Amino acid sequence: MSAETPKQIRRIHIAAFKRGEIEFLFNYGVLTTGFDAPKTDHLIICRPTSSQILYEQMVGRGLRGPKFGGTEQCKIIDFSQNITRHGKPLAYARFIKDWEVQQVKSFKEDEVIV
C-alpha cells in the first residue's frame, strides 16, 4: 500500500488489519501519522527521517501500551538508523516532565500550590 493506492482500497486493508483479518500491513508513506492500531506488536521501519517528531509518530504506532488498548510489548526494527540519527531517549520521552504528576504541598479552598 502506498500513497498512490486508492483511498477506498487503503481503507479496506486498514479495517481488515484492525479486525485481525490481515496479519501484516506494509505501507510506504501512508501510515506515519494519524493512524491508530493499538494492537500493533511489530514495526519494521525502512525509511530514514530527519524529523524526530515524525519518527516518534511512526514508532508510536506500536507504543500505546495496555492502558490504552495496546500490546504489552512491541518489537521495533529500524533498518534506516533513525535511532542513531536521533539518539536516545526516543518516543515520547521528551514529554515525561509534562506528564509527571506533581505532589500537592498545600492547598486552600480554590487554590492549589505545587
PDB file of N, CA and C in Angstrom:
ATOM      1  N   MET A   1       0.848  -1.154   0.000  1.00  0.00           N
ATOM      2  CA  MET A   1       0.000   0.000   0.000  1.00  0.00           C
ATOM      3  C   MET A   1       0.900   1.225   0.000  1.00  0.00           C
ATOM      4  N   SER A   2       0.560   2.202  -0.801  1.00  0.00           N
ATOM      5  CA  SER A   2       1.325   3.439  -0.862  1.00  0.00           C
ATOM      6  C   SER A   2       0.357   4.603  -0.985  1.00  0.00           C
ATOM      7  N   ALA A   3       0.899   5.802  -1.050  1.00  0.00           N
ATOM      8  CA  ALA A   3       0.062   6.987  -1.228  1.00  0.00           C
ATOM      9  C   ALA A   3      -0.668   6.940  -2.566  1.00  0.00           C
ATOM     10  N   GLU A   4      -0.156   6.146  -3.496  1.00  0.00           N
ATOM     11  CA  GLU A   4      -0.809   6.010  -4.804  1.00  0.00           C
ATOM     12  C   GLU A   4      -1.948   4.990  -4.789  1.00  0.00           C
ATOM     13  N   THR A   5      -2.041   4.172  -3.745  1.00  0.00           N
ATOM     14  CA  THR A   5      -3.143   3.214  -3.621  1.00  0.00           C
ATOM     15  C   THR A   5      -4.431   4.008  -3.386  1.00  0.00           C
ATOM     16  N   PRO A   6      -5.482   3.724  -4.129  1.00  0.00           N
ATOM     17  CA  PRO A   6      -6.739   4.467  -3.930  1.00  0.00           C
ATOM     18  C   PRO A   6      -7.201   4.406  -2.468  1.00  0.00           C
ATOM     19  N   LYS A   7      -7.722   5.526  -1.979  1.00  0.00           N
ATOM     20  CA  LYS A   7      -8.136   5.620  -0.566  1.00  0.00           C
ATOM     21  C   LYS A   7      -9.123   4.529  -0.180  1.00  0.00           C
ATOM     22  N   GLN A   8     -10.039   4.190  -1.055  1.00  0.00           N
ATOM     23  CA  GLN A   8     -11.025   3.149  -0.742  1.00  0.00           C
ATOM     24  C   GLN A   8     -10.331   1.812  -0.480  1.00  0.00           C
ATOM     25  N   ILE A   9      -9.346   1.481  -1.280  1.00  0.00           N
ATOM     26  CA  ILE A   9      -8.605   0.225  -1.109  1.00  0.00           C
ATOM     27  C   ILE A   9      -7.803   0.266   0.184  1.00  0.00           C
ATOM     28  N   ARG A  10      -7.166   1.398   0.463  1.00  0.00           N
ATOM     29  CA  ARG A  10      -6.412   1.542   1.724  1.00  0.00           C
ATOM     30  C   ARG A  10      -7.328   1.344   2.917  1.00  0.00           C
ATOM     31  N   ARG A  11      -8.509   1.950   2.888  1.00  0.00           N
ATOM     32  CA  ARG A  11      -9.450   1.818   4.000  1.00  0.00           C
ATOM     33  C   ARG A  11      -9.864   0.368   4.219  1.00  0.00           C
ATOM     34  N   ILE A  12     -10.070  -0.360   3.143  1.00  0.00           N
ATOM     35  CA  ILE A  12     -10.454  -1.770   3.245  1.00  0.00           C
ATOM     36  C   ILE A  12      -9.347  -2.563   3.929  1.00  0.00           C
ATOM     37  N   HIS A  13      -8.099  -2.356   3.491  1.00  0.00           N
ATOM     38  CA  HIS A  13      -6.966  -3.084   4.070  1.00  0.00           C
ATOM     39  C   HIS A  13      -6.735  -2.700   5.531  1.00  0.00           C
ATOM     40  N   ILE A  14      -6.831  -1.427   5.834  1.00  0.00           N
ATOM     41  CA  ILE A  14      -6.623  -0.967   7.213  1.00  0.00           C
ATOM     42  C   ILE A  14      -7.698  -1.533   8.132  1.00  0.00           C
ATOM     43  N   ALA A  15      -8.948  -1.505   7.708  1.00  0.00           N
ATOM     44  CA  ALA A  15     -10.032  -2.056   8.523  1.00  0.00           C
ATOM     45  C   ALA A  15      -9.827  -3.551   8.760  1.00  0.00           C
ATOM     46  N   ALA A  16      -9.405  -4.276   7.723  1.00  0.00           N
ATOM     47  CA  ALA A  16      -9.155  -5.719   7.871  1.00  0.00           C
ATOM     48  C   ALA A  16      -7.999  -5.970   8.834  1.00  0.00           C
ATOM     49  N   PHE A  17      -6.977  -5.128   8.788  1.00  0.00           N
ATOM     50  CA  PHE A  17      -5.847  -5.253   9.713  1.00  0.00           C
ATOM     51  C   PHE A  17      -6.311  -5.036  11.152  1.00  0.00           C
ATOM     52  N   LYS A  18      -7.101  -4.013  11.373  1.00  0.00           N
ATOM     53  CA  LYS A  18      -7.580  -3.704  12.720  1.00  0.00           C
ATOM     54  C   LYS A  18      -8.492  -4.800  13.271  1.00  0.00           C
ATOM     55  N   ARG A  19      -9.201  -5.476  12.394  1.00  0.00           N
ATOM     56  CA  ARG A  19     -10.063  -6.585  12.825  1.00  0.00           C
ATOM     57  C   ARG A  19      -9.288  -7.886  13.003  1.00  0.00           C
ATOM     58  N   GLY A  20      -8.021  -7.879  12.636  1.00  0.00           N
ATOM     59  CA  GLY A  20      -7.200  -9.075  12.760  1.00  0.00           C
ATOM     60  C   GLY A  20      -7.314 -10.029  11.590  1.00  0.00           C
ATOM     61  N   GLU A  21      -7.953  -9.606  10.519  1.00  0.00           N
ATOM     62  CA  GLU A  21      -8.104 -10.448   9.327  1.00  0.00           C
ATOM     63  C   GLU A  21      -6.840 -10.457   8.470  1.00  0.00           C
ATOM     64  N   ILE A  22      -6.046  -9.409   8.601  1.00  0.00           N
ATOM     65  CA  ILE A  22      -4.752  -9.312   7.919  1.00  0.00           C
ATOM     66  C   ILE A  22      -3.696  -9.256   9.010  1.00  0.00           C
ATOM     67  N   GLU A  23      -2.719 -10.132   8.933  1.00  0.00           N
ATOM     68  CA  GLU A  23      -1.698 -10.199   9.977  1.00  0.00           C
ATOM     69  C   GLU A  23      -0.612  -9.143   9.793  1.00  0.00           C
ATOM     70  N   PHE A  24      -0.272  -8.827   8.554  1.00  0.00           N
ATOM     71  CA  PHE A  24       0.797  -7.872   8.265  1.00  0.00           C
ATOM     72  C   PHE A  24       0.253  -6.775   7.364  1.00  0.00           C
ATOM     73  N   LEU A  25       0.677  -5.549   7.630  1.00  0.00           N
ATOM     74  CA  LEU A  25       0.280  -4.419   6.807  1.00  0.00           C
ATOM     75  C   LEU A  25       1.549  -3.654   6.437  1.00  0.00           C
ATOM     76  N   PHE A  26       1.870  -3.634   5.162  1.00  0.00           N
ATOM     77  CA  PHE A  26       3.059  -2.945   4.670  1.00  0.00           C
ATOM     78  C   PHE A  26       2.614  -1.677   3.963  1.00  0.00           C
ATOM     79  N   ASN A  27       3.368  -0.602   4.184  1.00  0.00           N
ATOM     80  CA  ASN A  27       2.989   0.648   3.533  1.00  0.00           C
ATOM     81  C   ASN A  27       4.215   1.488   3.251  1.00  0.00           C
ATOM     82  N   TYR A  28       4.039   2.433   2.372  1.00  0.00           N
ATOM     83  CA  TYR A  28       5.088   3.398   2.077  1.00  0.00           C
ATOM     84  C   TYR A  28       4.475   4.791   2.128  1.00  0.00           C
ATOM     85  N   GLY A  29       4.865   5.573   3.125  1.00  0.00           N
ATOM     86  CA  GLY A  29       4.449   6.967   3.212  1.00  0.00           C
ATOM     87  C   GLY A  29       2.971   7.178   3.466  1.00  0.00           C
ATOM     88  N   VAL A  30       2.292   6.195   4.067  1.00  0.00           N
ATOM     89  CA  VAL A  30       0.861   6.334   4.295  1.00  0.00           C
ATOM     90  C   VAL A  30       0.528   6.349   5.782  1.00  0.00           C
ATOM     91  N   LEU A  31       1.072   5.435   6.541  1.00  0.00           N
ATOM     92  CA  LEU A  31       0.648   5.245   7.930  1.00  0.00           C
ATOM     93  C   LEU A  31       1.634   5.826   8.937  1.00  0.00           C
ATOM     94  N   THR A  32       2.269   6.919   8.601  1.00  0.00           N
ATOM     95  CA  THR A  32       3.222   7.525   9.525  1.00  0.00           C
ATOM     96  C   THR A  32       2.530   8.405  10.559  1.00  0.00           C
ATOM     97  N   THR A  33       1.470   9.097  10.183  1.00  0.00           N
ATOM     98  CA  THR A  33       0.750   9.970  11.113  1.00  0.00           C
ATOM     99  C   THR A  33      -0.750   9.730  10.978  1.00  0.00           C
ATOM    100  N   GLY A  34      -1.471   9.993  12.056  1.00  0.00           N
ATOM    101  CA  GLY A  34      -2.919   9.903  12.011  1.00  0.00           C
ATOM    102  C   GLY A  34      -3.464   8.494  11.878  1.00  0.00           C
ATOM    103  N   PHE A  35      -2.662   7.499  12.165  1.00  0.00           N
ATOM    104  CA  PHE A  35      -3.082   6.097  12.050  1.00  0.00           C
ATOM    105  C   PHE A  35      -3.058   5.484  13.430  1.00  0.00           C
ATOM    106  N   ASP A  36      -4.147   4.851  13.828  1.00  0.00           N
ATOM    107  CA  ASP A  36      -4.211   4.261  15.150  1.00  0.00           C
ATOM    108  C   ASP A  36      -4.544   2.785  15.044  1.00  0.00           C
ATOM    109  N   ALA A  37      -3.624   1.948  15.445  1.00  0.00           N
ATOM    110  CA  ALA A  37      -3.821   0.497  15.510  1.00  0.00           C
ATOM    111  C   ALA A  37      -3.109   0.015  16.761  1.00  0.00           C
ATOM    112  N   PRO A  38      -3.727   0.191  17.927  1.00  0.00           N
ATOM    113  CA  PRO A  38      -3.051  -0.077  19.192  1.00  0.00           C
ATOM    114  C   PRO A  38      -2.554  -1.504  19.370  1.00  0.00           C
ATOM    115  N   LYS A  39      -3.113  -2.461  18.679  1.00  0.00           N
ATOM    116  CA  LYS A  39      -2.693  -3.854  18.843  1.00  0.00           C
ATOM    117  C   LYS A  39      -1.443  -4.190  18.023  1.00  0.00           C
ATOM    118  N   THR A  40      -0.826  -3.206  17.422  1.00  0.00           N
ATOM    119  CA  THR A  40       0.402  -3.421  16.658  1.00  0.00           C
ATOM    120  C   THR A  40       1.497  -3.904  17.607  1.00  0.00           C
ATOM    121  N   ASP A  41       2.131  -5.029  17.265  1.00  0.00           N
ATOM    122  CA  ASP A  41       3.176  -5.556  18.149  1.00  0.00           C
ATOM    123  C   ASP A  41       4.535  -5.687  17.474  1.00  0.00           C
ATOM    124  N   HIS A  42       4.619  -5.336  16.199  1.00  0.00           N
ATOM    125  CA  HIS A  42       5.901  -5.312  15.486  1.00  0.00           C
ATOM    126  C   HIS A  42       5.894  -4.142  14.504  1.00  0.00           C
ATOM    127  N   LEU A  43       6.996  -3.432  14.444  1.00  0.00           N
ATOM    128  CA  LEU A  43       7.180  -2.378  13.448  1.00  0.00           C
ATOM    129  C   LEU A  43       8.513  -2.602  12.757  1.00  0.00           C
ATOM    130  N   ILE A  44       8.517  -2.511  11.465  1.00  0.00           N
ATOM    131  CA  ILE A  44       9.762  -2.552  10.706  1.00  0.00           C
ATOM    132  C   ILE A  44       9.832  -1.248   9.930  1.00  0.00           C
ATOM    133  N   ILE A  45      10.824  -0.441  10.262  1.00  0.00           N
ATOM    134  CA  ILE A  45      10.959   0.874   9.642  1.00  0.00           C
ATOM    135  C   ILE A  45      12.120   0.806   8.652  1.00  0.00           C
ATOM    136  N   CYS A  46      11.814   1.127   7.404  1.00  0.00           N
ATOM    137  CA  CYS A  46      12.811   1.023   6.337  1.00  0.00           C
ATOM    138  C   CYS A  46      13.108   2.364   5.692  1.00  0.00           C
ATOM    139  N   ARG A  47      12.610   3.432   6.244  1.00  0.00           N
ATOM    140  CA  ARG A  47      12.859   4.742   5.645  1.00  0.00           C
ATOM    141  C   ARG A  47      13.506   5.679   6.659  1.00  0.00           C
ATOM    142  N   PRO A  48      14.448   6.453   6.213  1.00  0.00           N
ATOM    143  CA  PRO A  48      15.041   7.439   7.118  1.00  0.00           C
ATOM    144  C   PRO A  48      14.126   8.656   7.249  1.00  0.00           C
ATOM    145  N   THR A  49      14.229   9.320   8.369  1.00  0.00           N
ATOM    146  CA  THR A  49      13.540  10.589   8.542  1.00  0.00           C
ATOM    147  C   THR A  49      14.445  11.506   9.355  1.00  0.00           C
ATOM    148  N   SER A  50      14.482  12.745   8.966  1.00  0.00           N
ATOM    149  CA  SER A  50      15.288  13.707   9.714  1.00  0.00           C
ATOM    150  C   SER A  50      14.454  14.374  10.801  1.00  0.00           C
ATOM    151  N   SER A  51      13.155  14.097  10.818  1.00  0.00           N
ATOM    152  CA  SER A  51      12.259  14.703  11.789  1.00  0.00           C
ATOM    153  C   SER A  51      12.074  13.785  12.993  1.00  0.00           C
ATOM    154  N   GLN A  52      12.488  14.238  14.161  1.00  0.00           N
ATOM    155  CA  GLN A  52      12.304  13.456  15.376  1.00  0.00           C
ATOM    156  C   GLN A  52      10.817  13.290  15.687  1.00  0.00           C
ATOM    157  N   ILE A  53      10.036  14.312  15.437  1.00  0.00           N
ATOM    158  CA  ILE A  53       8.598  14.228  15.699  1.00  0.00           C
ATOM    159  C   ILE A  53       7.938  13.183  14.805  1.00  0.00           C
ATOM    160  N   LEU A  54       8.284  13.175  13.522  1.00  0.00           N
ATOM    161  CA  LEU A  54       7.735  12.167  12.614  1.00  0.00           C
ATOM    162  C   LEU A  54       8.166  10.771  13.048  1.00  0.00           C
ATOM    163  N   TYR A  55       9.408  10.642  13.463  1.00  0.00           N
ATOM    164  CA  TYR A  55       9.880   9.330  13.922  1.00  0.00           C
ATOM    165  C   TYR A  55       9.108   8.880  15.162  1.00  0.00           C
ATOM    166  N   GLU A  56       8.862   9.793  16.098  1.00  0.00           N
ATOM    167  CA  GLU A  56       8.076   9.457  17.282  1.00  0.00           C
ATOM    168  C   GLU A  56       6.673   9.013  16.888  1.00  0.00           C
ATOM    169  N   GLN A  57       6.083   9.657  15.901  1.00  0.00           N
ATOM    170  CA  GLN A  57       4.759   9.257  15.447  1.00  0.00           C
ATOM    171  C   GLN A  57       4.802   7.871  14.817  1.00  0.00           C
ATOM    172  N   MET A  58       5.854   7.592  14.065  1.00  0.00           N
ATOM    173  CA  MET A  58       5.977   6.292  13.418  1.00  0.00           C
ATOM    174  C   MET A  58       6.116   5.172  14.457  1.00  0.00           C
ATOM    175  N   VAL A  59       7.010   5.326  15.403  1.00  0.00           N
ATOM    176  CA  VAL A  59       7.183   4.273  16.410  1.00  0.00           C
ATOM    177  C   VAL A  59       6.008   4.251  17.383  1.00  0.00           C
ATOM    178  N   GLY A  60       5.328   5.368  17.510  1.00  0.00           N
ATOM    179  CA  GLY A  60       4.173   5.443  18.386  1.00  0.00           C
ATOM    180  C   GLY A  60       3.032   4.536  17.968  1.00  0.00           C
ATOM    181  N   ARG A  61       3.029   4.095  16.709  1.00  0.00           N
ATOM    182  CA  ARG A  61       2.003   3.157  16.237  1.00  0.00           C
ATOM    183  C   ARG A  61       2.016   1.888  17.079  1.00  0.00           C
ATOM    184  N   GLY A  62       3.176   1.531  17.612  1.00  0.00           N
ATOM    185  CA  GLY A  62       3.265   0.298  18.386  1.00  0.00           C
ATOM    186  C   GLY A  62       3.500   0.500  19.867  1.00  0.00           C
ATOM    187  N   LEU A  63       3.498   1.741  20.327  1.00  0.00           N
ATOM    188  CA  LEU A  63       3.838   2.008  21.727  1.00  0.00           C
ATOM    189  C   LEU A  63       2.667   2.531  22.546  1.00  0.00           C
ATOM    190  N   ARG A  64       1.478   2.065  22.263  1.00  0.00           N
ATOM    191  CA  ARG A  64       0.297   2.507  23.012  1.00  0.00           C
ATOM    192  C   ARG A  64       0.294   1.944  24.431  1.00  0.00           C
ATOM    193  N   GLY A  65       0.665   0.687  24.565  1.00  0.00           N
ATOM    194  CA  GLY A  65       0.668   0.043  25.874  1.00  0.00           C
ATOM    195  C   GLY A  65      -0.712  -0.422  26.291  1.00  0.00           C
ATOM    196  N   PRO A  66      -0.767  -1.335  27.249  1.00  0.00           N
ATOM    197  CA  PRO A  66      -2.032  -1.941  27.676  1.00  0.00           C
ATOM    198  C   PRO A  66      -3.063  -0.942  28.215  1.00  0.00           C
ATOM    199  N   LYS A  67      -2.610   0.114  28.883  1.00  0.00           N
ATOM    200  CA  LYS A  67      -3.556   1.080  29.449  1.00  0.00           C
ATOM    201  C   LYS A  67      -4.354   1.810  28.371  1.00  0.00           C
ATOM    202  N   PHE A  68      -3.828   1.819  27.138  1.00  0.00           N
ATOM    203  CA  PHE A  68      -4.502   2.490  26.031  1.00  0.00           C
ATOM    204  C   PHE A  68      -4.949   1.490  24.969  1.00  0.00           C
ATOM    205  N   GLY A  69      -5.182   0.247  25.401  1.00  0.00           N
ATOM    206  CA  GLY A  69      -5.667  -0.766  24.481  1.00  0.00           C
ATOM    207  C   GLY A  69      -4.603  -1.395  23.612  1.00  0.00           C
ATOM    208  N   GLY A  70      -3.348  -1.117  23.914  1.00  0.00           N
ATOM    209  CA  GLY A  70      -2.248  -1.639  23.111  1.00  0.00           C
ATOM    210  C   GLY A  70      -1.655  -2.916  23.669  1.00  0.00           C
ATOM    211  N   THR A  71      -0.553  -3.290  23.095  1.00  0.00           N
ATOM    212  CA  THR A  71       0.123  -4.524  23.485  1.00  0.00           C
ATOM    213  C   THR A  71       1.103  -4.276  24.629  1.00  0.00           C
ATOM    214  N   GLU A  72       1.452  -5.339  25.312  1.00  0.00           N
ATOM    215  CA  GLU A  72       2.416  -5.256  26.415  1.00  0.00           C
ATOM    216  C   GLU A  72       3.799  -4.881  25.890  1.00  0.00           C
ATOM    217  N   GLN A  73       4.164  -5.433  24.743  1.00  0.00           N
ATOM    218  CA  GLN A  73       5.474  -5.161  24.138  1.00  0.00           C
ATOM    219  C   GLN A  73       5.317  -4.946  22.643  1.00  0.00           C
ATOM    220  N   CYS A  74       6.253  -4.218  22.064  1.00  0.00           N
ATOM    221  CA  CYS A  74       6.298  -4.024  20.627  1.00  0.00           C
ATOM    222  C   CYS A  74       7.760  -4.074  20.193  1.00  0.00           C
ATOM    223  N   LYS A  75       8.045  -4.943  19.245  1.00  0.00           N
ATOM    224  CA  LYS A  75       9.402  -5.035  18.721  1.00  0.00           C
ATOM    225  C   LYS A  75       9.523  -4.063  17.553  1.00  0.00           C
ATOM    226  N   ILE A  76      10.524  -3.188  17.618  1.00  0.00           N
ATOM    227  CA  ILE A  76      10.756  -2.203  16.562  1.00  0.00           C
ATOM    228  C   ILE A  76      12.107  -2.499  15.927  1.00  0.00           C
ATOM    229  N   ILE A  77      12.083  -2.730  14.632  1.00  0.00           N
ATOM    230  CA  ILE A  77      13.308  -2.963  13.872  1.00  0.00           C
ATOM    231  C   ILE A  77      13.452  -1.791  12.917  1.00  0.00           C
ATOM    232  N   ASP A  78      14.543  -1.070  13.044  1.00  0.00           N
ATOM    233  CA  ASP A  78      14.755   0.139  12.251  1.00  0.00           C
ATOM    234  C   ASP A  78      15.973  -0.066  11.357  1.00  0.00           C
ATOM    235  N   PHE A  79      15.727  -0.293  10.072  1.00  0.00           N
ATOM    236  CA  PHE A  79      16.802  -0.521   9.115  1.00  0.00           C
ATOM    237  C   PHE A  79      17.442   0.776   8.619  1.00  0.00           C
ATOM    238  N   SER A  80      16.892   1.908   8.998  1.00  0.00           N
ATOM    239  CA  SER A  80      17.360   3.187   8.463  1.00  0.00           C
ATOM    240  C   SER A  80      18.189   4.003   9.433  1.00  0.00           C
ATOM    241  N   GLN A  81      18.570   3.419  10.540  1.00  0.00           N
ATOM    242  CA  GLN A  81      19.437   4.056  11.534  1.00  0.00           C
ATOM    243  C   GLN A  81      18.851   5.349  12.110  1.00  0.00           C
ATOM    244  N   ASN A  82      17.533   5.429  12.180  1.00  0.00           N
ATOM    245  CA  ASN A  82      16.910   6.610  12.793  1.00  0.00           C
ATOM    246  C   ASN A  82      17.276   6.723  14.264  1.00  0.00           C
ATOM    247  N   ILE A  83      17.407   5.587  14.945  1.00  0.00           N
ATOM    248  CA  ILE A  83      17.774   5.618  16.359  1.00  0.00           C
ATOM    249  C   ILE A  83      19.140   6.271  16.530  1.00  0.00           C
ATOM    250  N   THR A  84      20.073   5.918  15.656  1.00  0.00           N
ATOM    251  CA  THR A  84      21.411   6.529  15.705  1.00  0.00           C
ATOM    252  C   THR A  84      21.327   8.022  15.387  1.00  0.00           C
ATOM    253  N   ARG A  85      20.515   8.374  14.409  1.00  0.00           N
ATOM    254  CA  ARG A  85      20.385   9.767  13.974  1.00  0.00           C
ATOM    255  C   ARG A  85      19.765  10.642  15.060  1.00  0.00           C
ATOM    256  N   HIS A  86      18.733  10.159  15.721  1.00  0.00           N
ATOM    257  CA  HIS A  86      18.013  10.976  16.694  1.00  0.00           C
ATOM    258  C   HIS A  86      18.511  10.789  18.122  1.00  0.00           C
ATOM    259  N   GLY A  87      19.217   9.709  18.381  1.00  0.00           N
ATOM    260  CA  GLY A  87      19.739   9.466  19.720  1.00  0.00           C
ATOM    261  C   GLY A  87      18.664   8.987  20.667  1.00  0.00           C
ATOM    262  N   LYS A  88      19.085   8.732  21.884  1.00  0.00           N
ATOM    263  CA  LYS A  88      18.155   8.281  22.907  1.00  0.00           C
ATOM    264  C   LYS A  88      17.942   9.423  23.883  1.00  0.00           C
ATOM    265  N   PRO A  89      16.892   9.493  24.628  1.00  0.00           N
ATOM    266  CA  PRO A  89      15.729   8.613  24.605  1.00  0.00           C
ATOM    267  C   PRO A  89      14.809   8.940  23.448  1.00  0.00           C
ATOM    268  N   LEU A  90      13.985   7.991  23.076  1.00  0.00           N
ATOM    269  CA  LEU A  90      13.070   8.140  21.958  1.00  0.00           C
ATOM    270  C   LEU A  90      11.625   8.024  22.409  1.00  0.00           C
ATOM    271  N   ALA A  91      10.753   8.276  21.473  1.00  0.00           N
ATOM    272  CA  ALA A  91       9.326   8.024  21.611  1.00  0.00           C
ATOM    273  C   ALA A  91       8.715   8.579  22.886  1.00  0.00           C
ATOM    274  N   TYR A  92       8.403   9.809  22.881  1.00  0.00           N
ATOM    275  CA  TYR A  92       7.663  10.499  23.932  1.00  0.00           C
ATOM    276  C   TYR A  92       8.468  10.798  25.186  1.00  0.00           C
ATOM    277  N   ALA A  93       9.708  10.362  25.256  1.00  0.00           N
ATOM    278  CA  ALA A  93      10.489  10.611  26.462  1.00  0.00           C
ATOM    279  C   ALA A  93      10.652  12.105  26.713  1.00  0.00           C
ATOM    280  N   ARG A  94      10.647  12.903  25.665  1.00  0.00           N
ATOM    281  CA  ARG A  94      10.811  14.342  25.874  1.00  0.00           C
ATOM    282  C   ARG A  94       9.596  14.977  26.537  1.00  0.00           C
ATOM    283  N   PHE A  95       8.476  14.240  26.637  1.00  0.00           N
ATOM    284  CA  PHE A  95       7.277  14.766  27.269  1.00  0.00           C
ATOM    285  C   PHE A  95       7.103  14.303  28.711  1.00  0.00           C
ATOM    286  N   ILE A  96       8.013  13.473  29.202  1.00  0.00           N
ATOM    287  CA  ILE A  96       7.855  12.882  30.537  1.00  0.00           C
ATOM    288  C   ILE A  96       7.625  13.949  31.605  1.00  0.00           C
ATOM    289  N   LYS A  97       8.394  15.016  31.583  1.00  0.00           N
ATOM    290  CA  LYS A  97       8.241  16.051  32.605  1.00  0.00           C
ATOM    291  C   LYS A  97       6.854  16.696  32.551  1.00  0.00           C
ATOM    292  N   ASP A  98       6.302  16.837  31.340  1.00  0.00           N
ATOM    293  CA  ASP A  98       4.969  17.404  31.207  1.00  0.00           C
ATOM    294  C   ASP A  98       3.906  16.475  31.774  1.00  0.00           C
ATOM    295  N   TRP A  99       4.157  15.165  31.722  1.00  0.00           N
ATOM    296  CA  TRP A  99       3.166  14.189  32.146  1.00  0.00           C
ATOM    297  C   TRP A  99       3.306  13.787  33.610  1.00  0.00           C
ATOM    298  N   GLU A 100       4.387  14.179  34.257  1.00  0.00           N
ATOM    299  CA  GLU A 100       4.586  13.776  35.643  1.00  0.00           C
ATOM    300  C   GLU A 100       3.513  14.383  36.542  1.00  0.00           C
ATOM    301  N   VAL A 101       3.070  13.591  37.490  1.00  0.00           N
ATOM    302  CA  VAL A 101       2.101  14.069  38.480  1.00  0.00           C
ATOM    303  C   VAL A 101       2.897  14.742  39.584  1.00  0.00           C
ATOM    304  N   GLN A 102       2.515  15.949  39.897  1.00  0.00           N
ATOM    305  CA  GLN A 102       3.228  16.678  40.930  1.00  0.00           C
ATOM    306  C   GLN A 102       2.497  16.528  42.259  1.00  0.00           C
ATOM    307  N   GLN A 103       3.249  16.473  43.315  1.00  0.00           N
ATOM    308  CA  GLN A 103       2.683  16.354  44.645  1.00  0.00           C
ATOM    309  C   GLN A 103       2.150  17.714  45.100  1.00  0.00           C
ATOM    310  N   VAL A 104       0.959  17.714  45.632  1.00  0.00           N
ATOM    311  CA  VAL A 104       0.383  18.947  46.174  1.00  0.00           C
ATOM    312  C   VAL A 104       0.954  19.142  47.565  1.00  0.00           C
ATOM    313  N   LYS A 105       1.614  20.287  47.791  1.00  0.00           N
ATOM    314  CA  LYS A 105       2.248  20.563  49.079  1.00  0.00           C
ATOM    315  C   LYS A 105       1.271  21.202  50.061  1.00  0.00           C
ATOM    316  N   SER A 106       0.426  22.054  49.553  1.00  0.00           N
ATOM    317  CA  SER A 106      -0.586  22.674  50.413  1.00  0.00           C
ATOM    318  C   SER A 106      -1.688  23.192  49.503  1.00  0.00           C
ATOM    319  N   PHE A 107      -2.855  23.436  50.067  1.00  0.00           N
ATOM    320  CA  PHE A 107      -3.934  23.960  49.246  1.00  0.00           C
ATOM    321  C   PHE A 107      -4.915  24.761  50.092  1.00  0.00           C
ATOM    322  N   LYS A 108      -5.561  25.666  49.430  1.00  0.00           N
ATOM    323  CA  LYS A 108      -6.657  26.425  50.028  1.00  0.00           C
ATOM    324  C   LYS A 108      -7.917  25.988  49.263  1.00  0.00           C
ATOM    325  N   GLU A 109      -9.058  26.505  49.655  1.00  0.00           N
ATOM    326  CA  GLU A 109     -10.310  26.031  49.064  1.00  0.00           C
ATOM    327  C   GLU A 109     -10.300  26.027  47.537  1.00  0.00           C
ATOM    328  N   ASP A 110      -9.845  27.072  46.918  1.00  0.00           N
ATOM    329  CA  ASP A 110      -9.883  27.118  45.454  1.00  0.00           C
ATOM    330  C   ASP A 110      -8.503  27.368  44.842  1.00  0.00           C
ATOM    331  N   GLU A 111      -7.454  27.061  45.570  1.00  0.00           N
ATOM    332  CA  GLU A 111      -6.106  27.297  45.078  1.00  0.00           C
ATOM    333  C   GLU A 111      -5.209  26.090  45.411  1.00  0.00           C
ATOM    334  N   VAL A 112      -4.486  25.657  44.442  1.00  0.00           N
ATOM    335  CA  VAL A 112      -3.558  24.555  44.664  1.00  0.00           C
ATOM    336  C   VAL A 112      -2.154  25.067  44.384  1.00  0.00           C
ATOM    337  N   ILE A 113      -1.234  24.826  45.319  1.00  0.00           N
ATOM    338  CA  ILE A 113       0.155  25.238  45.159  1.00  0.00           C
ATOM    339  C   ILE A 113       1.000  23.969  45.051  1.00  0.00           C
ATOM    340  N   VAL A 114       1.765  23.875  43.994  1.00  0.00           N
ATOM    341  CA  VAL A 114       2.631  22.680  43.831  1.00  0.00           C
ATOM    342  C   VAL A 114       4.079  23.062  43.885  1.00  0.00           C
TER     343      VAL A 114
END
